[in-house]
PDB file of N, CA and C in Angstrom:
ATOM      1  N   MET A   1       0.834  -1.191   0.000  1.00  0.00           N
ATOM      2  CA  MET A   1       0.000   0.000   0.000  1.00  0.00           C
ATOM      3  C   MET A   1       0.874   1.249   0.000  1.00  0.00           C
ATOM      4  N   ARG A   2       0.317   2.264  -0.581  1.00  0.00           N
ATOM      5  CA  ARG A   2       1.019   3.533  -0.702  1.00  0.00           C
ATOM      6  C   ARG A   2       0.917   4.339   0.591  1.00  0.00           C
ATOM      7  N   THR A   3       1.906   5.153   0.843  1.00  0.00           N
ATOM      8  CA  THR A   3       1.846   6.048   1.993  1.00  0.00           C
ATOM      9  C   THR A   3       2.057   7.488   1.531  1.00  0.00           C
ATOM     10  N   ILE A   4       1.499   8.393   2.314  1.00  0.00           N
ATOM     11  CA  ILE A   4       1.728   9.817   2.108  1.00  0.00           C
ATOM     12  C   ILE A   4       2.278  10.364   3.413  1.00  0.00           C
ATOM     13  N   LYS A   5       2.773  11.583   3.390  1.00  0.00           N
ATOM     14  CA  LYS A   5       3.374  12.169   4.586  1.00  0.00           C
ATOM     15  C   LYS A   5       2.757  13.520   4.907  1.00  0.00           C
ATOM     16  N   THR A   6       2.672  13.791   6.199  1.00  0.00           N
ATOM     17  CA  THR A   6       2.245  15.111   6.656  1.00  0.00           C
ATOM     18  C   THR A   6       3.415  16.079   6.483  1.00  0.00           C
ATOM     19  N   THR A   7       3.164  17.344   6.723  1.00  0.00           N
ATOM     20  CA  THR A   7       4.249  18.330   6.619  1.00  0.00           C
ATOM     21  C   THR A   7       5.301  18.124   7.708  1.00  0.00           C
ATOM     22  N   THR A   8       4.941  17.407   8.781  1.00  0.00           N
ATOM     23  CA  THR A   8       5.893  17.120   9.845  1.00  0.00           C
ATOM     24  C   THR A   8       6.640  15.812   9.607  1.00  0.00           C
ATOM     25  N   GLY A   9       6.269  15.105   8.528  1.00  0.00           N
ATOM     26  CA  GLY A   9       6.962  13.870   8.175  1.00  0.00           C
ATOM     27  C   GLY A   9       6.302  12.593   8.641  1.00  0.00           C
ATOM     28  N   ALA A  10       5.167  12.679   9.295  1.00  0.00           N
ATOM     29  CA  ALA A  10       4.459  11.473   9.736  1.00  0.00           C
ATOM     30  C   ALA A  10       3.854  10.760   8.527  1.00  0.00           C
ATOM     31  N   SER A  11       4.001   9.451   8.494  1.00  0.00           N
ATOM     32  CA  SER A  11       3.481   8.646   7.384  1.00  0.00           C
ATOM     33  C   SER A  11       2.048   8.220   7.639  1.00  0.00           C
ATOM     34  N   ILE A  12       1.265   8.195   6.564  1.00  0.00           N
ATOM     35  CA  ILE A  12      -0.108   7.693   6.604  1.00  0.00           C
ATOM     36  C   ILE A  12      -0.257   6.688   5.479  1.00  0.00           C
ATOM     37  N   THR A  13      -0.634   5.467   5.838  1.00  0.00           N
ATOM     38  CA  THR A  13      -0.878   4.438   4.834  1.00  0.00           C
ATOM     39  C   THR A  13      -2.254   4.655   4.231  1.00  0.00           C
ATOM     40  N   LEU A  14      -2.321   4.685   2.911  1.00  0.00           N
ATOM     41  CA  LEU A  14      -3.595   4.885   2.223  1.00  0.00           C
ATOM     42  C   LEU A  14      -4.274   3.534   2.010  1.00  0.00           C
ATOM     43  N   ASP A  15      -4.989   3.113   3.059  1.00  0.00           N
ATOM     44  CA  ASP A  15      -5.688   1.830   3.012  1.00  0.00           C
ATOM     45  C   ASP A  15      -7.196   1.991   3.166  1.00  0.00           C
ATOM     46  N   GLY A  16      -7.689   3.237   2.996  1.00  0.00           N
ATOM     47  CA  GLY A  16      -9.111   3.496   3.100  1.00  0.00           C
ATOM     48  C   GLY A  16      -9.589   3.785   4.508  1.00  0.00           C
ATOM     49  N   ASP A  17      -8.683   3.813   5.471  1.00  0.00           N
ATOM     50  CA  ASP A  17      -9.041   4.037   6.870  1.00  0.00           C
ATOM     51  C   ASP A  17      -9.045   5.531   7.176  1.00  0.00           C
ATOM     52  N   LEU A  18     -10.210   6.155   7.052  1.00  0.00           N
ATOM     53  CA  LEU A  18     -10.336   7.586   7.288  1.00  0.00           C
ATOM     54  C   LEU A  18      -9.975   7.943   8.726  1.00  0.00           C
ATOM     55  N   LEU A  19     -10.336   7.083   9.670  1.00  0.00           N
ATOM     56  CA  LEU A  19     -10.024   7.348  11.066  1.00  0.00           C
ATOM     57  C   LEU A  19      -8.517   7.481  11.287  1.00  0.00           C
ATOM     58  N   ALA A  20      -7.727   6.689  10.602  1.00  0.00           N
ATOM     59  CA  ALA A  20      -6.264   6.783  10.728  1.00  0.00           C
ATOM     60  C   ALA A  20      -5.772   8.145  10.253  1.00  0.00           C
ATOM     61  N   VAL A  21      -6.367   8.647   9.184  1.00  0.00           N
ATOM     62  CA  VAL A  21      -5.999   9.978   8.682  1.00  0.00           C
ATOM     63  C   VAL A  21      -6.392  11.037   9.703  1.00  0.00           C
ATOM     64  N   MET A  22      -7.597  10.921  10.246  1.00  0.00           N
ATOM     65  CA  MET A  22      -8.075  11.895  11.225  1.00  0.00           C
ATOM     66  C   MET A  22      -7.227  11.864  12.497  1.00  0.00           C
ATOM     67  N   GLU A  23      -6.851  10.682  12.946  1.00  0.00           N
ATOM     68  CA  GLU A  23      -6.007  10.563  14.140  1.00  0.00           C
ATOM     69  C   GLU A  23      -4.636  11.194  13.901  1.00  0.00           C
ATOM     70  N   THR A  24      -4.089  10.991  12.716  1.00  0.00           N
ATOM     71  CA  THR A  24      -2.795  11.591  12.395  1.00  0.00           C
ATOM     72  C   THR A  24      -2.914  13.104  12.319  1.00  0.00           C
ATOM     73  N   LEU A  25      -3.983  13.605  11.711  1.00  0.00           N
ATOM     74  CA  LEU A  25      -4.202  15.054  11.670  1.00  0.00           C
ATOM     75  C   LEU A  25      -4.296  15.625  13.079  1.00  0.00           C
ATOM     76  N   TYR A  26      -5.019  14.950  13.949  1.00  0.00           N
ATOM     77  CA  TYR A  26      -5.134  15.427  15.322  1.00  0.00           C
ATOM     78  C   TYR A  26      -3.758  15.468  15.991  1.00  0.00           C
ATOM     79  N   ARG A  27      -3.039  14.379  15.880  1.00  0.00           N
ATOM     80  CA  ARG A  27      -1.724  14.276  16.522  1.00  0.00           C
ATOM     81  C   ARG A  27      -0.729  15.297  15.975  1.00  0.00           C
ATOM     82  N   GLU A  28      -0.686  15.434  14.649  1.00  0.00           N
ATOM     83  CA  GLU A  28       0.341  16.263  14.021  1.00  0.00           C
ATOM     84  C   GLU A  28      -0.010  17.745  13.942  1.00  0.00           C
ATOM     85  N   VAL A  29      -1.289  18.079  14.002  1.00  0.00           N
ATOM     86  CA  VAL A  29      -1.679  19.497  13.924  1.00  0.00           C
ATOM     87  C   VAL A  29      -2.172  19.990  15.287  1.00  0.00           C
ATOM     88  N   THR A  30      -3.162  19.337  15.835  1.00  0.00           N
ATOM     89  CA  THR A  30      -3.784  19.820  17.067  1.00  0.00           C
ATOM     90  C   THR A  30      -2.925  19.551  18.303  1.00  0.00           C
ATOM     91  N   ALA A  31      -2.574  18.296  18.535  1.00  0.00           N
ATOM     92  CA  ALA A  31      -1.814  17.959  19.748  1.00  0.00           C
ATOM     93  C   ALA A  31      -0.405  18.548  19.705  1.00  0.00           C
ATOM     94  N   ARG A  32       0.239  18.477  18.568  1.00  0.00           N
ATOM     95  CA  ARG A  32       1.606  18.997  18.450  1.00  0.00           C
ATOM     96  C   ARG A  32       1.653  20.490  18.789  1.00  0.00           C
ATOM     97  N   ARG A  33       0.590  21.186  18.472  1.00  0.00           N
ATOM     98  CA  ARG A  33       0.528  22.637  18.747  1.00  0.00           C
ATOM     99  C   ARG A  33      -0.193  22.934  20.060  1.00  0.00           C
ATOM    100  N   GLU A  34      -0.368  21.886  20.880  1.00  0.00           N
ATOM    101  CA  GLU A  34      -1.007  22.004  22.190  1.00  0.00           C
ATOM    102  C   GLU A  34      -2.367  22.709  22.101  1.00  0.00           C
ATOM    103  N   LEU A  35      -3.171  22.268  21.143  1.00  0.00           N
ATOM    104  CA  LEU A  35      -4.532  22.745  20.888  1.00  0.00           C
ATOM    105  C   LEU A  35      -4.585  24.166  20.332  1.00  0.00           C
ATOM    106  N   ARG A  36      -3.436  24.767  20.056  1.00  0.00           N
ATOM    107  CA  ARG A  36      -3.414  26.122  19.496  1.00  0.00           C
ATOM    108  C   ARG A  36      -3.178  26.029  17.994  1.00  0.00           C
ATOM    109  N   ARG A  37      -4.218  25.689  17.308  1.00  0.00           N
ATOM    110  CA  ARG A  37      -4.152  25.627  15.853  1.00  0.00           C
ATOM    111  C   ARG A  37      -5.357  26.351  15.300  1.00  0.00           C
ATOM    112  N   SER A  38      -5.244  26.792  14.071  1.00  0.00           N
ATOM    113  CA  SER A  38      -6.327  27.546  13.451  1.00  0.00           C
ATOM    114  C   SER A  38      -6.992  26.708  12.356  1.00  0.00           C
ATOM    115  N   PHE A  39      -8.082  27.234  11.879  1.00  0.00           N
ATOM    116  CA  PHE A  39      -8.762  26.642  10.715  1.00  0.00           C
ATOM    117  C   PHE A  39      -7.784  26.540   9.553  1.00  0.00           C
ATOM    118  N   GLU A  40      -7.012  27.603   9.356  1.00  0.00           N
ATOM    119  CA  GLU A  40      -6.047  27.637   8.252  1.00  0.00           C
ATOM    120  C   GLU A  40      -4.962  26.578   8.429  1.00  0.00           C
ATOM    121  N   ASP A  41      -4.501  26.366   9.662  1.00  0.00           N
ATOM    122  CA  ASP A  41      -3.490  25.329   9.919  1.00  0.00           C
ATOM    123  C   ASP A  41      -4.009  23.958   9.492  1.00  0.00           C
ATOM    124  N   MET A  42      -5.236  23.647   9.908  1.00  0.00           N
ATOM    125  CA  MET A  42      -5.793  22.330   9.602  1.00  0.00           C
ATOM    126  C   MET A  42      -6.094  22.188   8.112  1.00  0.00           C
ATOM    127  N   THR A  43      -6.688  23.201   7.504  1.00  0.00           N
ATOM    128  CA  THR A  43      -6.997  23.082   6.071  1.00  0.00           C
ATOM    129  C   THR A  43      -5.731  23.011   5.239  1.00  0.00           C
ATOM    130  N   SER A  44      -4.697  23.688   5.655  1.00  0.00           N
ATOM    131  CA  SER A  44      -3.423  23.613   4.939  1.00  0.00           C
ATOM    132  C   SER A  44      -2.856  22.196   4.996  1.00  0.00           C
ATOM    133  N   GLU A  45      -2.921  21.577   6.165  1.00  0.00           N
ATOM    134  CA  GLU A  45      -2.421  20.200   6.303  1.00  0.00           C
ATOM    135  C   GLU A  45      -3.267  19.224   5.504  1.00  0.00           C
ATOM    136  N   ILE A  46      -4.580  19.384   5.548  1.00  0.00           N
ATOM    137  CA  ILE A  46      -5.466  18.512   4.771  1.00  0.00           C
ATOM    138  C   ILE A  46      -5.189  18.671   3.279  1.00  0.00           C
ATOM    139  N   THR A  47      -5.022  19.904   2.833  1.00  0.00           N
ATOM    140  CA  THR A  47      -4.701  20.161   1.420  1.00  0.00           C
ATOM    141  C   THR A  47      -3.392  19.483   1.039  1.00  0.00           C
ATOM    142  N   HIS A  48      -2.417  19.557   1.923  1.00  0.00           N
ATOM    143  CA  HIS A  48      -1.123  18.906   1.678  1.00  0.00           C
ATOM    144  C   HIS A  48      -1.304  17.397   1.473  1.00  0.00           C
ATOM    145  N   LEU A  49      -2.160  16.785   2.296  1.00  0.00           N
ATOM    146  CA  LEU A  49      -2.405  15.347   2.161  1.00  0.00           C
ATOM    147  C   LEU A  49      -3.165  15.035   0.877  1.00  0.00           C
ATOM    148  N   ILE A  50      -4.202  15.802   0.594  1.00  0.00           N
ATOM    149  CA  ILE A  50      -5.009  15.580  -0.608  1.00  0.00           C
ATOM    150  C   ILE A  50      -4.165  15.707  -1.874  1.00  0.00           C
ATOM    151  N   ASP A  51      -3.251  16.665  -1.880  1.00  0.00           N
ATOM    152  CA  ASP A  51      -2.397  16.868  -3.057  1.00  0.00           C
ATOM    153  C   ASP A  51      -1.510  15.668  -3.360  1.00  0.00           C
ATOM    154  N   GLN A  52      -1.281  14.815  -2.378  1.00  0.00           N
ATOM    155  CA  GLN A  52      -0.456  13.621  -2.586  1.00  0.00           C
ATOM    156  C   GLN A  52      -1.262  12.417  -3.062  1.00  0.00           C
ATOM    157  N   MET A  53      -2.584  12.538  -3.061  1.00  0.00           N
ATOM    158  CA  MET A  53      -3.459  11.425  -3.461  1.00  0.00           C
ATOM    159  C   MET A  53      -3.794  11.516  -4.939  1.00  0.00           C
ATOM    160  N   ASP A  54      -4.007  10.356  -5.536  1.00  0.00           N
ATOM    161  CA  ASP A  54      -4.497  10.362  -6.918  1.00  0.00           C
ATOM    162  C   ASP A  54      -6.024  10.448  -6.886  1.00  0.00           C
ATOM    163  N   ASP A  55      -6.636  10.536  -8.045  1.00  0.00           N
ATOM    164  CA  ASP A  55      -8.093  10.719  -8.119  1.00  0.00           C
ATOM    165  C   ASP A  55      -8.863   9.592  -7.438  1.00  0.00           C
ATOM    166  N   ALA A  56      -8.427   8.344  -7.622  1.00  0.00           N
ATOM    167  CA  ALA A  56      -9.135   7.202  -7.018  1.00  0.00           C
ATOM    168  C   ALA A  56      -9.043   7.251  -5.498  1.00  0.00           C
ATOM    169  N   GLU A  57      -7.890   7.625  -4.976  1.00  0.00           N
ATOM    170  CA  GLU A  57      -7.722   7.723  -3.527  1.00  0.00           C
ATOM    171  C   GLU A  57      -8.576   8.857  -2.953  1.00  0.00           C
ATOM    172  N   ARG A  58      -8.589   9.991  -3.633  1.00  0.00           N
ATOM    173  CA  ARG A  58      -9.433  11.105  -3.178  1.00  0.00           C
ATOM    174  C   ARG A  58     -10.897  10.697  -3.179  1.00  0.00           C
ATOM    175  N   ARG A  59     -11.321  10.001  -4.226  1.00  0.00           N
ATOM    176  CA  ARG A  59     -12.713   9.554  -4.323  1.00  0.00           C
ATOM    177  C   ARG A  59     -13.061   8.602  -3.179  1.00  0.00           C
ATOM    178  N   ALA A  60     -12.174   7.665  -2.883  1.00  0.00           N
ATOM    179  CA  ALA A  60     -12.423   6.691  -1.814  1.00  0.00           C
ATOM    180  C   ALA A  60     -12.533   7.382  -0.456  1.00  0.00           C
ATOM    181  N   TYR A  61     -11.638   8.329  -0.195  1.00  0.00           N
ATOM    182  CA  TYR A  61     -11.679   9.024   1.096  1.00  0.00           C
ATOM    183  C   TYR A  61     -12.864   9.987   1.190  1.00  0.00           C
ATOM    184  N   LEU A  62     -13.259  10.591   0.089  1.00  0.00           N
ATOM    185  CA  LEU A  62     -14.459  11.429   0.092  1.00  0.00           C
ATOM    186  C   LEU A  62     -15.690  10.583   0.378  1.00  0.00           C
ATOM    187  N   LEU A  63     -15.779   9.429  -0.251  1.00  0.00           N
ATOM    188  CA  LEU A  63     -16.900   8.527  -0.023  1.00  0.00           C
ATOM    189  C   LEU A  63     -16.975   8.137   1.449  1.00  0.00           C
ATOM    190  N   GLU A  64     -15.849   7.741   2.029  1.00  0.00           N
ATOM    191  CA  GLU A  64     -15.809   7.356   3.437  1.00  0.00           C
ATOM    192  C   GLU A  64     -16.191   8.533   4.336  1.00  0.00           C
ATOM    193  N   SER A  65     -15.700   9.710   4.013  1.00  0.00           N
ATOM    194  CA  SER A  65     -16.001  10.900   4.800  1.00  0.00           C
ATOM    195  C   SER A  65     -17.489  11.239   4.752  1.00  0.00           C
ATOM    196  N   LEU A  66     -18.060  11.219   3.566  1.00  0.00           N
ATOM    197  CA  LEU A  66     -19.493  11.508   3.438  1.00  0.00           C
ATOM    198  C   LEU A  66     -20.337  10.472   4.169  1.00  0.00           C
ATOM    199  N   PHE A  67     -19.952   9.215   4.072  1.00  0.00           N
ATOM    200  CA  PHE A  67     -20.684   8.163   4.771  1.00  0.00           C
ATOM    201  C   PHE A  67     -20.647   8.399   6.283  1.00  0.00           C
ATOM    202  N   LEU A  68     -19.464   8.612   6.830  1.00  0.00           N
ATOM    203  CA  LEU A  68     -19.342   8.806   8.280  1.00  0.00           C
ATOM    204  C   LEU A  68     -20.057  10.073   8.740  1.00  0.00           C
ATOM    205  N   ASN A  69     -19.982  11.123   7.952  1.00  0.00           N
ATOM    206  CA  ASN A  69     -20.672  12.351   8.317  1.00  0.00           C
ATOM    207  C   ASN A  69     -22.186  12.192   8.235  1.00  0.00           C
ATOM    208  N   THR A  70     -22.679  11.413   7.303  1.00  0.00           N
ATOM    209  CA  THR A  70     -24.111  11.147   7.205  1.00  0.00           C
ATOM    210  C   THR A  70     -24.585  10.362   8.419  1.00  0.00           C
ATOM    211  N   VAL A  71     -23.829   9.359   8.821  1.00  0.00           N
ATOM    212  CA  VAL A  71     -24.175   8.582  10.013  1.00  0.00           C
ATOM    213  C   VAL A  71     -24.184   9.492  11.239  1.00  0.00           C
ATOM    214  N   ARG A  72     -23.179  10.334  11.363  1.00  0.00           N
ATOM    215  CA  ARG A  72     -23.120  11.273  12.499  1.00  0.00           C
ATOM    216  C   ARG A  72     -24.323  12.215  12.487  1.00  0.00           C
ATOM    217  N   TYR A  73     -24.662  12.730  11.320  1.00  0.00           N
ATOM    218  CA  TYR A  73     -25.815  13.626  11.173  1.00  0.00           C
ATOM    219  C   TYR A  73     -27.094  12.920  11.601  1.00  0.00           C
ATOM    220  N   GLU A  74     -27.280  11.695  11.119  1.00  0.00           N
ATOM    221  CA  GLU A  74     -28.474  10.924  11.477  1.00  0.00           C
ATOM    222  C   GLU A  74     -28.532  10.676  12.977  1.00  0.00           C
ATOM    223  N   ASN A  75     -27.401  10.338  13.569  1.00  0.00           N
ATOM    224  CA  ASN A  75     -27.359  10.092  15.012  1.00  0.00           C
ATOM    225  C   ASN A  75     -27.673  11.360  15.806  1.00  0.00           C
ATOM    226  N   ASP A  76     -27.162  12.496  15.366  1.00  0.00           N
ATOM    227  CA  ASP A  76     -27.460  13.761  16.030  1.00  0.00           C
ATOM    228  C   ASP A  76     -28.947  14.095  15.937  1.00  0.00           C
ATOM    229  N   LYS A  77     -29.538  13.883  14.770  1.00  0.00           N
ATOM    230  CA  LYS A  77     -30.977  14.135  14.593  1.00  0.00           C
ATOM    231  C   LYS A  77     -31.797  13.209  15.495  1.00  0.00           C
ATOM    232  N   LEU A  78     -31.416  11.939  15.536  1.00  0.00           N
ATOM    233  CA  LEU A  78     -32.123  10.980  16.371  1.00  0.00           C
ATOM    234  C   LEU A  78     -31.988  11.349  17.853  1.00  0.00           C
ATOM    235  N   GLU A  79     -30.802  11.757  18.268  1.00  0.00           N
ATOM    236  CA  GLU A  79     -30.589  12.155  19.660  1.00  0.00           C
ATOM    237  C   GLU A  79     -31.468  13.361  20.025  1.00  0.00           C
ATOM    238  N   ALA A  80     -31.553  14.340  19.141  1.00  0.00           N
ATOM    239  CA  ALA A  80     -32.397  15.507  19.392  1.00  0.00           C
ATOM    240  C   ALA A  80     -33.864  15.097  19.474  1.00  0.00           C
ATOM    241  N   TYR A  81     -34.295  14.210  18.607  1.00  0.00           N
ATOM    242  CA  TYR A  81     -35.677  13.726  18.632  1.00  0.00           C
ATOM    243  C   TYR A  81     -35.967  12.985  19.930  1.00  0.00           C
ATOM    244  N   MET A  82     -35.048  12.136  20.351  1.00  0.00           N
ATOM    245  CA  MET A  82     -35.234  11.366  21.588  1.00  0.00           C
ATOM    246  C   MET A  82     -35.314  12.294  22.800  1.00  0.00           C
ATOM    247  N   ARG A  83     -34.501  13.339  22.819  1.00  0.00           N
ATOM    248  CA  ARG A  83     -34.561  14.317  23.912  1.00  0.00           C
ATOM    249  C   ARG A  83     -35.927  15.014  23.919  1.00  0.00           C
ATOM    250  N   LYS A  84     -36.408  15.346  22.734  1.00  0.00           N
ATOM    251  CA  LYS A  84     -37.681  16.056  22.603  1.00  0.00           C
ATOM    252  C   LYS A  84     -38.834  15.207  23.112  1.00  0.00           C
ATOM    253  N   ILE A  85     -38.878  13.941  22.736  1.00  0.00           N
ATOM    254  CA  ILE A  85     -40.007  13.104  23.157  1.00  0.00           C
ATOM    255  C   ILE A  85     -39.884  12.654  24.606  1.00  0.00           C
ATOM    256  N   SER A  86     -38.707  12.718  25.189  1.00  0.00           N
ATOM    257  CA  SER A  86     -38.558  12.310  26.596  1.00  0.00           C
ATOM    258  C   SER A  86     -38.952  13.414  27.569  1.00  0.00           C
ATOM    259  N   LYS A  87     -39.177  14.634  27.055  1.00  0.00           N
ATOM    260  CA  LYS A  87     -39.565  15.747  27.936  1.00  0.00           C
ATOM    261  C   LYS A  87     -41.036  15.792  28.187  1.00  0.00           C
TER     262      LYS A  87
END
């Protein structure tokens, strides 16, 4: 499997595991800067990673991201509904 690197040199294996990418982003951007990072810092790092991917890899990670975000959205909606009916 192919790997890409963050701007700090951390390797990420491109195996379709979006969580691994997110964990590396957290570690290399957020934790490394002791939670003092900006929107621009994170988007710059994400752009750096995306630029190293080919079209198929970008498509696979976008698909995974949209799927996980849809599940999260559905869960948030369900949680709000459950709170509403329990009152």
